[in-house]
């Protein structure tokens, strides 16, 4: 396998003036430009139909671009497609391995497609199965694996070529929270070892927990990008749900700068400026005869930012 050493400062992914128009004249991408730095854990988010899947498809060479350039660690995707693709590991959303093959064979055979000698492929397969916590499933049929195991096997397969850029398209879709958090742990380990990761996910708490930088795509353009902390710091409103004792009164108190809405007879929806003291809110509610029993965050911060920017409170798939 060829290993490319790029010049210092060369982005892991560099996209310039990228356009994609499909045969039905639908313009999926409208001049997108984007850089991902080496070693980053990068979130690519967007509502349905935003162009996110098209961008991932172009970068992974599954979709032809209409105009623009894509470079992977400085290698031009259009001019040197084979070399560029050797640098990428892709974990698609769909399970696409042979369900009647054994995990060990799936990994070894995949490595063979990339010219990796069988002896080396066997060593790597054993390593990746251990990392994926699938060593005890190495010789069972793939169809017998649980949904979470199949997802972990997909990541293990992508890592067989030791990619410098790993693209994950909804890697934890459909798995329970315990398995998901275990996969987060594995992905952090892969990233810490030096692999650049680009993640798409509809679990916004996943992106907030894992990623250092992000871009949000909507209607074929990038509407926001930057460090996760910087973007989240722009939020000046916090949202909470308050559970109260007894039934809410028919008339809720008015509190300056506060949006207070009854969700049901025993729950309040509360939006307040970040600078406001919650004790002031509780005091006003207490004076109105409303006793707060518990409080919980209404949504994670990234979800709030996403909804504000896109106006889409639904799925980000």
C-alpha atoms as a PDB file:
ATOM      1  CA  UNK A   1       0.000   0.000   0.000  1.00  0.00           C
ATOM      2  CA  UNK A   2       1.297   3.466  -0.932  1.00  0.00           C
ATOM      3  CA  UNK A   3       1.684   5.923   1.919  1.00  0.00           C
ATOM      4  CA  UNK A   4       1.522   9.599   1.032  1.00  0.00           C
ATOM      5  CA  UNK A   5       3.359  12.240   2.991  1.00  0.00           C
ATOM      6  CA  UNK A   6       1.805  15.647   2.373  1.00  0.00           C
ATOM      7  CA  UNK A   7       3.443  19.012   2.866  1.00  0.00           C
ATOM      8  CA  UNK A   8       3.018  20.590   6.319  1.00  0.00           C
ATOM      9  CA  UNK A   9      -0.200  22.579   6.446  1.00  0.00           C
ATOM     10  CA  UNK A  10      -1.874  20.544   3.689  1.00  0.00           C
ATOM     11  CA  UNK A  11      -5.541  19.908   4.625  1.00  0.00           C
ATOM     12  CA  UNK A  12      -6.729  16.335   5.059  1.00  0.00           C
ATOM     13  CA  UNK A  13      -9.661  17.332   2.852  1.00  0.00           C
ATOM     14  CA  UNK A  14      -9.800  20.422   0.670  1.00  0.00           C
ATOM     15  CA  UNK A  15     -12.965  21.129  -1.334  1.00  0.00           C
ATOM     16  CA  UNK A  16     -13.104  24.162  -3.609  1.00  0.00           C
ATOM     17  CA  UNK A  17     -16.107  25.626  -5.476  1.00  0.00           C
ATOM     18  CA  UNK A  18     -17.850  22.263  -5.576  1.00  0.00           C
ATOM     19  CA  UNK A  19     -21.027  22.013  -7.630  1.00  0.00           C
ATOM     20  CA  UNK A  20     -23.292  19.066  -8.321  1.00  0.00           C
ATOM     21  CA  UNK A  21     -26.332  19.158 -10.585  1.00  0.00           C
ATOM     22  CA  UNK A  22     -28.254  15.953 -11.179  1.00  0.00           C
ATOM     23  CA  UNK A  23     -29.899  14.978 -14.477  1.00  0.00           C
ATOM     24  CA  UNK A  24     -33.271  16.272 -13.287  1.00  0.00           C
ATOM     25  CA  UNK A  25     -31.701  19.764 -12.947  1.00  0.00           C
ATOM     26  CA  UNK A  26     -31.688  19.545  -9.159  1.00  0.00           C
ATOM     27  CA  UNK A  27     -28.672  21.495  -7.911  1.00  0.00           C
ATOM     28  CA  UNK A  28     -27.520  19.568  -4.847  1.00  0.00           C
ATOM     29  CA  UNK A  29     -24.313  21.544  -4.197  1.00  0.00           C
ATOM     30  CA  UNK A  30     -23.875  25.241  -4.968  1.00  0.00           C
ATOM     31  CA  UNK A  31     -20.206  26.125  -4.831  1.00  0.00           C
ATOM     32  CA  UNK A  32     -19.129  24.567  -1.544  1.00  0.00           C
ATOM     33  CA  UNK A  33     -15.606  25.234  -0.250  1.00  0.00           C
ATOM     34  CA  UNK A  34     -14.332  23.470   2.857  1.00  0.00           C
ATOM     35  CA  UNK A  35     -11.090  22.451   4.567  1.00  0.00           C
ATOM     36  CA  UNK A  36     -10.599  19.758   7.210  1.00  0.00           C
ATOM     37  CA  UNK A  37      -7.250  19.845   9.018  1.00  0.00           C
ATOM     38  CA  UNK A  38      -5.209  16.665   9.561  1.00  0.00           C
ATOM     39  CA  UNK A  39      -6.027  14.884  12.808  1.00  0.00           C
ATOM     40  CA  UNK A  40      -9.395  16.580  13.193  1.00  0.00           C
ATOM     41  CA  UNK A  41     -12.644  14.971  14.311  1.00  0.00           C
ATOM     42  CA  UNK A  42     -15.038  16.888  12.071  1.00  0.00           C
ATOM     43  CA  UNK A  43     -18.853  16.906  12.043  1.00  0.00           C
ATOM     44  CA  UNK A  44     -20.716  17.424   8.772  1.00  0.00           C
ATOM     45  CA  UNK A  45     -24.361  18.155   9.539  1.00  0.00           C
ATOM     46  CA  UNK A  46     -27.435  19.125   7.585  1.00  0.00           C
ATOM     47  CA  UNK A  47     -31.180  18.466   7.296  1.00  0.00           C
ATOM     48  CA  UNK A  48     -32.672  16.045   4.784  1.00  0.00           C
ATOM     49  CA  UNK A  49     -31.913  17.076   1.216  1.00  0.00           C
ATOM     50  CA  UNK A  50     -29.286  19.625   2.237  1.00  0.00           C
ATOM     51  CA  UNK A  51     -26.515  18.128   0.082  1.00  0.00           C
ATOM     52  CA  UNK A  52     -24.575  16.381   2.830  1.00  0.00           C
ATOM     53  CA  UNK A  53     -24.862  12.904   1.310  1.00  0.00           C
ATOM     54  CA  UNK A  54     -23.930  14.257  -2.115  1.00  0.00           C
ATOM     55  CA  UNK A  55     -20.786  15.864  -0.702  1.00  0.00           C
ATOM     56  CA  UNK A  56     -19.780  12.631   1.041  1.00  0.00           C
ATOM     57  CA  UNK A  57     -20.525  10.697  -2.151  1.00  0.00           C
ATOM     58  CA  UNK A  58     -18.255  12.965  -4.207  1.00  0.00           C
ATOM     59  CA  UNK A  59     -15.394  12.873  -1.695  1.00  0.00           C
ATOM     60  CA  UNK A  60     -15.582   9.065  -1.530  1.00  0.00           C
ATOM     61  CA  UNK A  61     -15.722   8.862  -5.363  1.00  0.00           C
ATOM     62  CA  UNK A  62     -19.224   7.357  -5.468  1.00  0.00           C
ATOM     63  CA  UNK A  63     -20.764  10.448  -7.094  1.00  0.00           C
ATOM     64  CA  UNK A  64     -19.296  12.456  -9.974  1.00  0.00           C
ATOM     65  CA  UNK A  65     -18.935  16.181  -9.382  1.00  0.00           C
ATOM     66  CA  UNK A  66     -20.222  18.769 -11.866  1.00  0.00           C
ATOM     67  CA  UNK A  67     -17.525  21.353 -11.169  1.00  0.00           C
ATOM     68  CA  UNK A  68     -14.872  22.163  -8.590  1.00  0.00           C
ATOM     69  CA  UNK A  69     -11.936  20.342  -7.040  1.00  0.00           C
ATOM     70  CA  UNK A  70     -11.469  17.815  -4.228  1.00  0.00           C
ATOM     71  CA  UNK A  71      -8.057  17.056  -2.756  1.00  0.00           C
ATOM     72  CA  UNK A  72      -7.269  14.398  -0.162  1.00  0.00           C
ATOM     73  CA  UNK A  73      -4.019  15.277   1.633  1.00  0.00           C
ATOM     74  CA  UNK A  74      -3.070  17.253  -1.468  1.00  0.00           C
ATOM     75  CA  UNK A  75      -3.929  14.459  -3.946  1.00  0.00           C
ATOM     76  CA  UNK A  76      -6.383  15.653  -6.621  1.00  0.00           C
ATOM     77  CA  UNK A  77      -9.380  13.298  -6.700  1.00  0.00           C
ATOM     78  CA  UNK A  78     -10.126  13.941 -10.379  1.00  0.00           C
ATOM     79  CA  UNK A  79      -6.566  13.562 -11.660  1.00  0.00           C
ATOM     80  CA  UNK A  80      -5.362  10.809  -9.331  1.00  0.00           C
ATOM     81  CA  UNK A  81      -8.528   9.034  -8.229  1.00  0.00           C
ATOM     82  CA  UNK A  82      -6.826   5.744  -7.374  1.00  0.00           C
ATOM     83  CA  UNK A  83      -4.135   7.396  -5.250  1.00  0.00           C
ATOM     84  CA  UNK A  84      -6.672   9.607  -3.469  1.00  0.00           C
ATOM     85  CA  UNK A  85      -8.966   6.686  -2.669  1.00  0.00           C
ATOM     86  CA  UNK A  86      -6.093   4.779  -1.047  1.00  0.00           C
ATOM     87  CA  UNK A  87      -6.066   7.485   1.623  1.00  0.00           C
ATOM     88  CA  UNK A  88      -9.768   7.140   2.472  1.00  0.00           C
ATOM     89  CA  UNK A  89     -11.710   4.648   4.562  1.00  0.00           C
ATOM     90  CA  UNK A  90     -15.489   4.829   4.144  1.00  0.00           C
ATOM     91  CA  UNK A  91     -18.142   3.488   6.508  1.00  0.00           C
ATOM     92  CA  UNK A  92     -21.456   3.903   4.644  1.00  0.00           C
ATOM     93  CA  UNK A  93     -24.818   4.089   6.332  1.00  0.00           C
ATOM     94  CA  UNK A  94     -26.023   0.831   4.772  1.00  0.00           C
ATOM     95  CA  UNK A  95     -24.672  -2.559   5.857  1.00  0.00           C
ATOM     96  CA  UNK A  96     -22.955  -3.692   2.656  1.00  0.00           C
ATOM     97  CA  UNK A  97     -20.791  -6.699   3.468  1.00  0.00           C
ATOM     98  CA  UNK A  98     -21.611 -10.299   2.557  1.00  0.00           C
ATOM     99  CA  UNK A  99     -23.839 -11.561   5.364  1.00  0.00           C
ATOM    100  CA  UNK A 100     -22.855 -15.148   4.533  1.00  0.00           C
ATOM    101  CA  UNK A 101     -19.156 -14.521   5.104  1.00  0.00           C
ATOM    102  CA  UNK A 102     -17.367 -14.682   8.438  1.00  0.00           C
ATOM    103  CA  UNK A 103     -16.060 -11.396   9.915  1.00  0.00           C
ATOM    104  CA  UNK A 104     -12.457 -12.612   9.732  1.00  0.00           C
ATOM    105  CA  UNK A 105     -12.842 -13.446   6.018  1.00  0.00           C
ATOM    106  CA  UNK A 106     -14.653 -10.164   5.338  1.00  0.00           C
ATOM    107  CA  UNK A 107     -11.684  -8.203   6.649  1.00  0.00           C
ATOM    108  CA  UNK A 108      -8.964 -10.296   5.012  1.00  0.00           C
ATOM    109  CA  UNK A 109     -10.691 -10.327   1.627  1.00  0.00           C
ATOM    110  CA  UNK A 110     -11.276  -6.572   1.774  1.00  0.00           C
ATOM    111  CA  UNK A 111      -7.570  -6.000   2.423  1.00  0.00           C
ATOM    112  CA  UNK A 112      -6.793  -8.151  -0.589  1.00  0.00           C
ATOM    113  CA  UNK A 113      -8.714  -5.786  -2.861  1.00  0.00           C
ATOM    114  CA  UNK A 114      -6.172  -3.119  -1.894  1.00  0.00           C
ATOM    115  CA  UNK A 115      -3.134  -5.284  -2.564  1.00  0.00           C
ATOM    116  CA  UNK A 116      -2.294  -5.963   1.069  1.00  0.00           C
ATOM    117  CA  UNK A 117      -0.404  -9.298   1.375  1.00  0.00           C
ATOM    118  CA  UNK A 118      -2.456 -12.022   3.038  1.00  0.00           C
ATOM    119  CA  UNK A 119      -0.001 -12.471   5.913  1.00  0.00           C
ATOM    120  CA  UNK A 120      -0.266  -8.763   6.770  1.00  0.00           C
ATOM    121  CA  UNK A 121      -4.039  -8.830   6.225  1.00  0.00           C
ATOM    122  CA  UNK A 122      -4.426 -11.621   8.793  1.00  0.00           C
ATOM    123  CA  UNK A 123      -2.458  -9.639  11.382  1.00  0.00           C
ATOM    124  CA  UNK A 124      -4.545  -6.535  10.738  1.00  0.00           C
ATOM    125  CA  UNK A 125      -7.813  -8.484  10.827  1.00  0.00           C
ATOM    126  CA  UNK A 126      -6.968  -9.871  14.252  1.00  0.00           C
ATOM    127  CA  UNK A 127      -6.057  -6.377  15.472  1.00  0.00           C
ATOM    128  CA  UNK A 128      -9.215  -4.756  14.142  1.00  0.00           C
ATOM    129  CA  UNK A 129     -11.475  -7.513  15.457  1.00  0.00           C
ATOM    130  CA  UNK A 130      -9.956  -6.992  18.909  1.00  0.00           C
ATOM    131  CA  UNK A 131     -10.493  -3.241  18.706  1.00  0.00           C
ATOM    132  CA  UNK A 132     -14.083  -3.803  17.603  1.00  0.00           C
ATOM    133  CA  UNK A 133     -14.632  -6.316  20.441  1.00  0.00           C
ATOM    134  CA  UNK A 134     -15.489  -8.968  17.867  1.00  0.00           C
ATOM    135  CA  UNK A 135     -12.671 -11.491  18.339  1.00  0.00           C
ATOM    136  CA  UNK A 136     -15.124 -14.079  19.664  1.00  0.00           C
ATOM    137  CA  UNK A 137     -17.294 -13.574  16.564  1.00  0.00           C
ATOM    138  CA  UNK A 138     -14.491 -13.932  14.019  1.00  0.00           C
ATOM    139  CA  UNK A 139     -15.709 -17.290  12.694  1.00  0.00           C
ATOM    140  CA  UNK A 140     -19.492 -16.899  12.796  1.00  0.00           C
ATOM    141  CA  UNK A 141     -21.649 -15.909   9.844  1.00  0.00           C
ATOM    142  CA  UNK A 142     -22.026 -12.163   9.438  1.00  0.00           C
ATOM    143  CA  UNK A 143     -25.798 -12.472   9.347  1.00  0.00           C
ATOM    144  CA  UNK A 144     -25.810 -13.710  12.950  1.00  0.00           C
ATOM    145  CA  UNK A 145     -24.252 -10.510  14.294  1.00  0.00           C
ATOM    146  CA  UNK A 146     -26.392  -7.964  16.095  1.00  0.00           C
ATOM    147  CA  UNK A 147     -26.959  -4.543  14.563  1.00  0.00           C
ATOM    148  CA  UNK A 148     -24.296  -2.982  16.759  1.00  0.00           C
ATOM    149  CA  UNK A 149     -21.776  -5.698  15.919  1.00  0.00           C
ATOM    150  CA  UNK A 150     -22.384  -5.192  12.205  1.00  0.00           C
ATOM    151  CA  UNK A 151     -21.714  -1.458  12.623  1.00  0.00           C
ATOM    152  CA  UNK A 152     -18.467  -2.154  14.469  1.00  0.00           C
ATOM    153  CA  UNK A 153     -17.427  -4.632  11.773  1.00  0.00           C
ATOM    154  CA  UNK A 154     -17.980  -1.931   9.127  1.00  0.00           C
ATOM    155  CA  UNK A 155     -15.558   0.352  10.959  1.00  0.00           C
ATOM    156  CA  UNK A 156     -13.052  -2.485  11.369  1.00  0.00           C
ATOM    157  CA  UNK A 157     -13.233  -3.188   7.641  1.00  0.00           C
ATOM    158  CA  UNK A 158     -12.581   0.462   6.751  1.00  0.00           C
ATOM    159  CA  UNK A 159      -9.552   0.512   9.057  1.00  0.00           C
ATOM    160  CA  UNK A 160      -7.954  -2.495   7.350  1.00  0.00           C
ATOM    161  CA  UNK A 161      -6.265  -0.201   4.802  1.00  0.00           C
ATOM    162  CA  UNK A 162      -4.962   2.103   7.554  1.00  0.00           C
ATOM    163  CA  UNK A 163      -6.686   5.136   6.004  1.00  0.00           C
ATOM    164  CA  UNK A 164      -5.455   8.621   6.763  1.00  0.00           C
ATOM    165  CA  UNK A 165      -9.025   9.950   6.380  1.00  0.00           C
ATOM    166  CA  UNK A 166     -11.979   7.976   7.775  1.00  0.00           C
ATOM    167  CA  UNK A 167     -15.466   9.017   6.638  1.00  0.00           C
ATOM    168  CA  UNK A 168     -18.338   7.811   8.811  1.00  0.00           C
ATOM    169  CA  UNK A 169     -21.882   8.157   7.466  1.00  0.00           C
ATOM    170  CA  UNK A 170     -24.316   7.601  10.350  1.00  0.00           C
ATOM    171  CA  UNK A 171     -22.064   4.953  11.976  1.00  0.00           C
ATOM    172  CA  UNK A 172     -24.258   4.444  15.056  1.00  0.00           C
ATOM    173  CA  UNK A 173     -27.669   4.519  13.375  1.00  0.00           C
ATOM    174  CA  UNK A 174     -30.080   2.062  14.941  1.00  0.00           C
ATOM    175  CA  UNK A 175     -27.883   0.905  17.829  1.00  0.00           C
ATOM    176  CA  UNK A 176     -28.713   1.295  21.498  1.00  0.00           C
ATOM    177  CA  UNK A 177     -27.059   3.912  23.687  1.00  0.00           C
ATOM    178  CA  UNK A 178     -24.710   1.479  25.455  1.00  0.00           C
ATOM    179  CA  UNK A 179     -23.265   0.175  22.186  1.00  0.00           C
ATOM    180  CA  UNK A 180     -23.170   3.704  20.778  1.00  0.00           C
ATOM    181  CA  UNK A 181     -21.051   4.968  23.647  1.00  0.00           C
ATOM    182  CA  UNK A 182     -18.702   2.010  23.223  1.00  0.00           C
ATOM    183  CA  UNK A 183     -18.304   2.959  19.573  1.00  0.00           C
ATOM    184  CA  UNK A 184     -17.583   6.554  20.596  1.00  0.00           C
ATOM    185  CA  UNK A 185     -14.751   5.226  22.735  1.00  0.00           C
ATOM    186  CA  UNK A 186     -13.334   3.262  19.795  1.00  0.00           C
ATOM    187  CA  UNK A 187     -13.586   6.241  17.434  1.00  0.00           C
ATOM    188  CA  UNK A 188     -11.799   8.497  19.900  1.00  0.00           C
ATOM    189  CA  UNK A 189      -9.007   5.921  20.043  1.00  0.00           C
ATOM    190  CA  UNK A 190      -8.753   5.823  16.232  1.00  0.00           C
ATOM    191  CA  UNK A 191      -8.664   9.619  16.068  1.00  0.00           C
ATOM    192  CA  UNK A 192      -6.097   9.886  18.867  1.00  0.00           C
ATOM    193  CA  UNK A 193      -3.832   7.555  16.892  1.00  0.00           C
ATOM    194  CA  UNK A 194      -3.736  10.134  14.084  1.00  0.00           C
ATOM    195  CA  UNK A 195      -6.600   9.267  11.729  1.00  0.00           C
ATOM    196  CA  UNK A 196      -8.633  12.248  10.576  1.00  0.00           C
ATOM    197  CA  UNK A 197     -12.374  11.550  10.940  1.00  0.00           C
ATOM    198  CA  UNK A 198     -15.349  13.140   9.200  1.00  0.00           C
ATOM    199  CA  UNK A 199     -18.647  12.209  10.847  1.00  0.00           C
ATOM    200  CA  UNK A 200     -22.220  12.629   9.692  1.00  0.00           C
ATOM    201  CA  UNK A 201     -24.843  11.818  12.285  1.00  0.00           C
ATOM    202  CA  UNK A 202     -28.429  12.586  13.196  1.00  0.00           C
ATOM    203  CA  UNK A 203     -27.546  12.211  16.886  1.00  0.00           C
ATOM    204  CA  UNK A 204     -26.495  15.795  17.551  1.00  0.00           C
ATOM    205  CA  UNK A 205     -25.298  14.955  21.059  1.00  0.00           C
ATOM    206  CA  UNK A 206     -22.906  12.532  19.352  1.00  0.00           C
ATOM    207  CA  UNK A 207     -21.401  15.300  17.230  1.00  0.00           C
ATOM    208  CA  UNK A 208     -21.163  17.631  20.216  1.00  0.00           C
ATOM    209  CA  UNK A 209     -19.432  14.969  22.307  1.00  0.00           C
ATOM    210  CA  UNK A 210     -16.937  13.761  19.687  1.00  0.00           C
ATOM    211  CA  UNK A 211     -16.142  16.561  17.270  1.00  0.00           C
ATOM    212  CA  UNK A 212     -13.871  19.589  17.536  1.00  0.00           C
ATOM    213  CA  UNK A 213     -15.005  21.360  14.359  1.00  0.00           C
ATOM    214  CA  UNK A 214     -18.140  21.274  12.257  1.00  0.00           C
ATOM    215  CA  UNK A 215     -19.884  22.537   9.161  1.00  0.00           C
ATOM    216  CA  UNK A 216     -23.643  22.778   8.642  1.00  0.00           C
ATOM    217  CA  UNK A 217     -24.994  22.419   5.095  1.00  0.00           C
ATOM    218  CA  UNK A 218     -28.427  23.615   4.034  1.00  0.00           C
ATOM    219  CA  UNK A 219     -29.853  23.874   0.510  1.00  0.00           C
ATOM    220  CA  UNK A 220     -26.517  23.010  -1.049  1.00  0.00           C
ATOM    221  CA  UNK A 221     -24.455  25.659   0.711  1.00  0.00           C
ATOM    222  CA  UNK A 222     -22.484  25.801   3.943  1.00  0.00           C
ATOM    223  CA  UNK A 223     -24.332  28.116   6.296  1.00  0.00           C
ATOM    224  CA  UNK A 224     -22.018  27.784   9.313  1.00  0.00           C
ATOM    225  CA  UNK A 225     -18.607  26.353  10.066  1.00  0.00           C
ATOM    226  CA  UNK A 226     -15.906  26.600  12.687  1.00  0.00           C
ATOM    227  CA  UNK A 227     -14.772  25.196  16.034  1.00  0.00           C
ATOM    228  CA  UNK A 228     -17.539  23.512  18.015  1.00  0.00           C
ATOM    229  CA  UNK A 229     -16.848  25.578  21.140  1.00  0.00           C
ATOM    230  CA  UNK A 230     -16.860  28.872  19.242  1.00  0.00           C
ATOM    231  CA  UNK A 231     -20.151  28.177  17.510  1.00  0.00           C
ATOM    232  CA  UNK A 232     -21.877  26.962  20.654  1.00  0.00           C
ATOM    233  CA  UNK A 233     -20.667  30.052  22.511  1.00  0.00           C
ATOM    234  CA  UNK A 234     -22.799  32.154  20.135  1.00  0.00           C
ATOM    235  CA  UNK A 235     -25.950  30.829  21.749  1.00  0.00           C
ATOM    236  CA  UNK A 236     -27.363  33.390  24.124  1.00  0.00           C
ATOM    237  CA  UNK A 237     -30.502  31.472  25.088  1.00  0.00           C
ATOM    238  CA  UNK A 238     -30.829  28.349  27.237  1.00  0.00           C
ATOM    239  CA  UNK A 239     -33.841  26.061  27.228  1.00  0.00           C
ATOM    240  CA  UNK A 240     -35.212  23.977  30.106  1.00  0.00           C
ATOM    241  CA  UNK A 241     -38.208  21.860  30.984  1.00  0.00           C
ATOM    242  CA  UNK A 242     -39.563  22.336  34.495  1.00  0.00           C
ATOM    243  CA  UNK A 243     -41.670  19.702  36.244  1.00  0.00           C
ATOM    244  CA  UNK A 244     -43.975  21.269  38.820  1.00  0.00           C
ATOM    245  CA  UNK A 245     -46.006  20.064  41.792  1.00  0.00           C
ATOM    246  CA  UNK A 246     -49.732  20.123  41.155  1.00  0.00           C
ATOM    247  CA  UNK A 247     -51.496  21.667  38.176  1.00  0.00           C
ATOM    248  CA  UNK A 248     -50.326  24.869  36.531  1.00  0.00           C
ATOM    249  CA  UNK A 249     -52.505  27.965  36.936  1.00  0.00           C
ATOM    250  CA  UNK A 250     -54.510  29.165  33.969  1.00  0.00           C
ATOM    251  CA  UNK A 251     -52.459  32.360  33.779  1.00  0.00           C
ATOM    252  CA  UNK A 252     -48.675  32.014  33.829  1.00  0.00           C
ATOM    253  CA  UNK A 253     -46.597  34.827  35.340  1.00  0.00           C
ATOM    254  CA  UNK A 254     -44.855  37.288  33.037  1.00  0.00           C
ATOM    255  CA  UNK A 255     -41.113  37.563  33.621  1.00  0.00           C
ATOM    256  CA  UNK A 256     -39.073  40.114  31.667  1.00  0.00           C
ATOM    257  CA  UNK A 257     -36.757  38.476  29.116  1.00  0.00           C
ATOM    258  CA  UNK A 258     -38.226  35.017  29.720  1.00  0.00           C
ATOM    259  CA  UNK A 259     -40.368  32.865  27.432  1.00  0.00           C
ATOM    260  CA  UNK A 260     -42.608  30.626  29.529  1.00  0.00           C
ATOM    261  CA  UNK A 261     -44.979  28.105  27.939  1.00  0.00           C
ATOM    262  CA  UNK A 262     -47.109  25.316  29.372  1.00  0.00           C
ATOM    263  CA  UNK A 263     -46.256  21.965  27.743  1.00  0.00           C
ATOM    264  CA  UNK A 264     -48.978  20.168  29.718  1.00  0.00           C
ATOM    265  CA  UNK A 265     -50.697  20.572  33.067  1.00  0.00           C
ATOM    266  CA  UNK A 266     -47.509  19.756  34.998  1.00  0.00           C
ATOM    267  CA  UNK A 267     -44.625  20.860  32.750  1.00  0.00           C
ATOM    268  CA  UNK A 268     -43.248  24.265  31.765  1.00  0.00           C
ATOM    269  CA  UNK A 269     -41.084  25.082  28.756  1.00  0.00           C
ATOM    270  CA  UNK A 270     -38.576  27.783  29.715  1.00  0.00           C
ATOM    271  CA  UNK A 271     -36.255  29.869  27.491  1.00  0.00           C
ATOM    272  CA  UNK A 272     -33.980  32.361  29.247  1.00  0.00           C
ATOM    273  CA  UNK A 273     -30.915  34.486  28.430  1.00  0.00           C
ATOM    274  CA  UNK A 274     -27.688  32.792  29.512  1.00  0.00           C
ATOM    275  CA  UNK A 275     -26.851  35.737  31.714  1.00  0.00           C
ATOM    276  CA  UNK A 276     -30.054  35.479  33.755  1.00  0.00           C
ATOM    277  CA  UNK A 277     -29.967  34.048  37.279  1.00  0.00           C
ATOM    278  CA  UNK A 278     -32.210  30.999  37.589  1.00  0.00           C
ATOM    279  CA  UNK A 279     -32.953  31.905  41.197  1.00  0.00           C
ATOM    280  CA  UNK A 280     -34.788  34.968  39.884  1.00  0.00           C
ATOM    281  CA  UNK A 281     -36.978  32.682  37.770  1.00  0.00           C
ATOM    282  CA  UNK A 282     -37.704  30.277  40.615  1.00  0.00           C
ATOM    283  CA  UNK A 283     -38.587  33.179  42.921  1.00  0.00           C
ATOM    284  CA  UNK A 284     -41.076  34.598  40.407  1.00  0.00           C
ATOM    285  CA  UNK A 285     -42.638  31.196  39.868  1.00  0.00           C
ATOM    286  CA  UNK A 286     -42.866  30.609  43.608  1.00  0.00           C
ATOM    287  CA  UNK A 287     -44.678  33.915  44.074  1.00  0.00           C
ATOM    288  CA  UNK A 288     -47.168  32.794  41.420  1.00  0.00           C
ATOM    289  CA  UNK A 289     -47.811  29.607  43.393  1.00  0.00           C
ATOM    290  CA  UNK A 290     -45.809  27.362  41.047  1.00  0.00           C
ATOM    291  CA  UNK A 291     -43.492  24.932  42.858  1.00  0.00           C
ATOM    292  CA  UNK A 292     -40.702  23.502  40.691  1.00  0.00           C
ATOM    293  CA  UNK A 293     -39.998  19.858  41.472  1.00  0.00           C
ATOM    294  CA  UNK A 294     -37.240  19.189  38.933  1.00  0.00           C
ATOM    295  CA  UNK A 295     -35.507  20.773  35.959  1.00  0.00           C
ATOM    296  CA  UNK A 296     -33.870  19.278  32.874  1.00  0.00           C
ATOM    297  CA  UNK A 297     -32.205  20.669  29.780  1.00  0.00           C
ATOM    298  CA  UNK A 298     -34.691  20.940  26.946  1.00  0.00           C
ATOM    299  CA  UNK A 299     -32.209  20.069  24.195  1.00  0.00           C
ATOM    300  CA  UNK A 300     -28.497  19.834  23.726  1.00  0.00           C
ATOM    301  CA  UNK A 301     -26.716  23.000  22.652  1.00  0.00           C
ATOM    302  CA  UNK A 302     -25.804  21.792  19.190  1.00  0.00           C
ATOM    303  CA  UNK A 303     -29.417  20.868  18.476  1.00  0.00           C
ATOM    304  CA  UNK A 304     -30.460  24.386  19.456  1.00  0.00           C
ATOM    305  CA  UNK A 305     -27.849  25.906  17.137  1.00  0.00           C
ATOM    306  CA  UNK A 306     -28.836  23.562  14.314  1.00  0.00           C
ATOM    307  CA  UNK A 307     -32.524  24.412  14.573  1.00  0.00           C
ATOM    308  CA  UNK A 308     -31.819  28.147  14.668  1.00  0.00           C
ATOM    309  CA  UNK A 309     -29.643  28.033  11.569  1.00  0.00           C
ATOM    310  CA  UNK A 310     -31.732  25.641   9.449  1.00  0.00           C
ATOM    311  CA  UNK A 311     -35.201  26.079  10.904  1.00  0.00           C
ATOM    312  CA  UNK A 312     -35.421  22.278  10.848  1.00  0.00           C
ATOM    313  CA  UNK A 313     -36.384  20.621  14.118  1.00  0.00           C
ATOM    314  CA  UNK A 314     -36.522  17.197  12.501  1.00  0.00           C
ATOM    315  CA  UNK A 315     -33.943  14.606  11.541  1.00  0.00           C
ATOM    316  CA  UNK A 316     -30.495  15.574  10.275  1.00  0.00           C
ATOM    317  CA  UNK A 317     -30.014  12.403   8.260  1.00  0.00           C
END
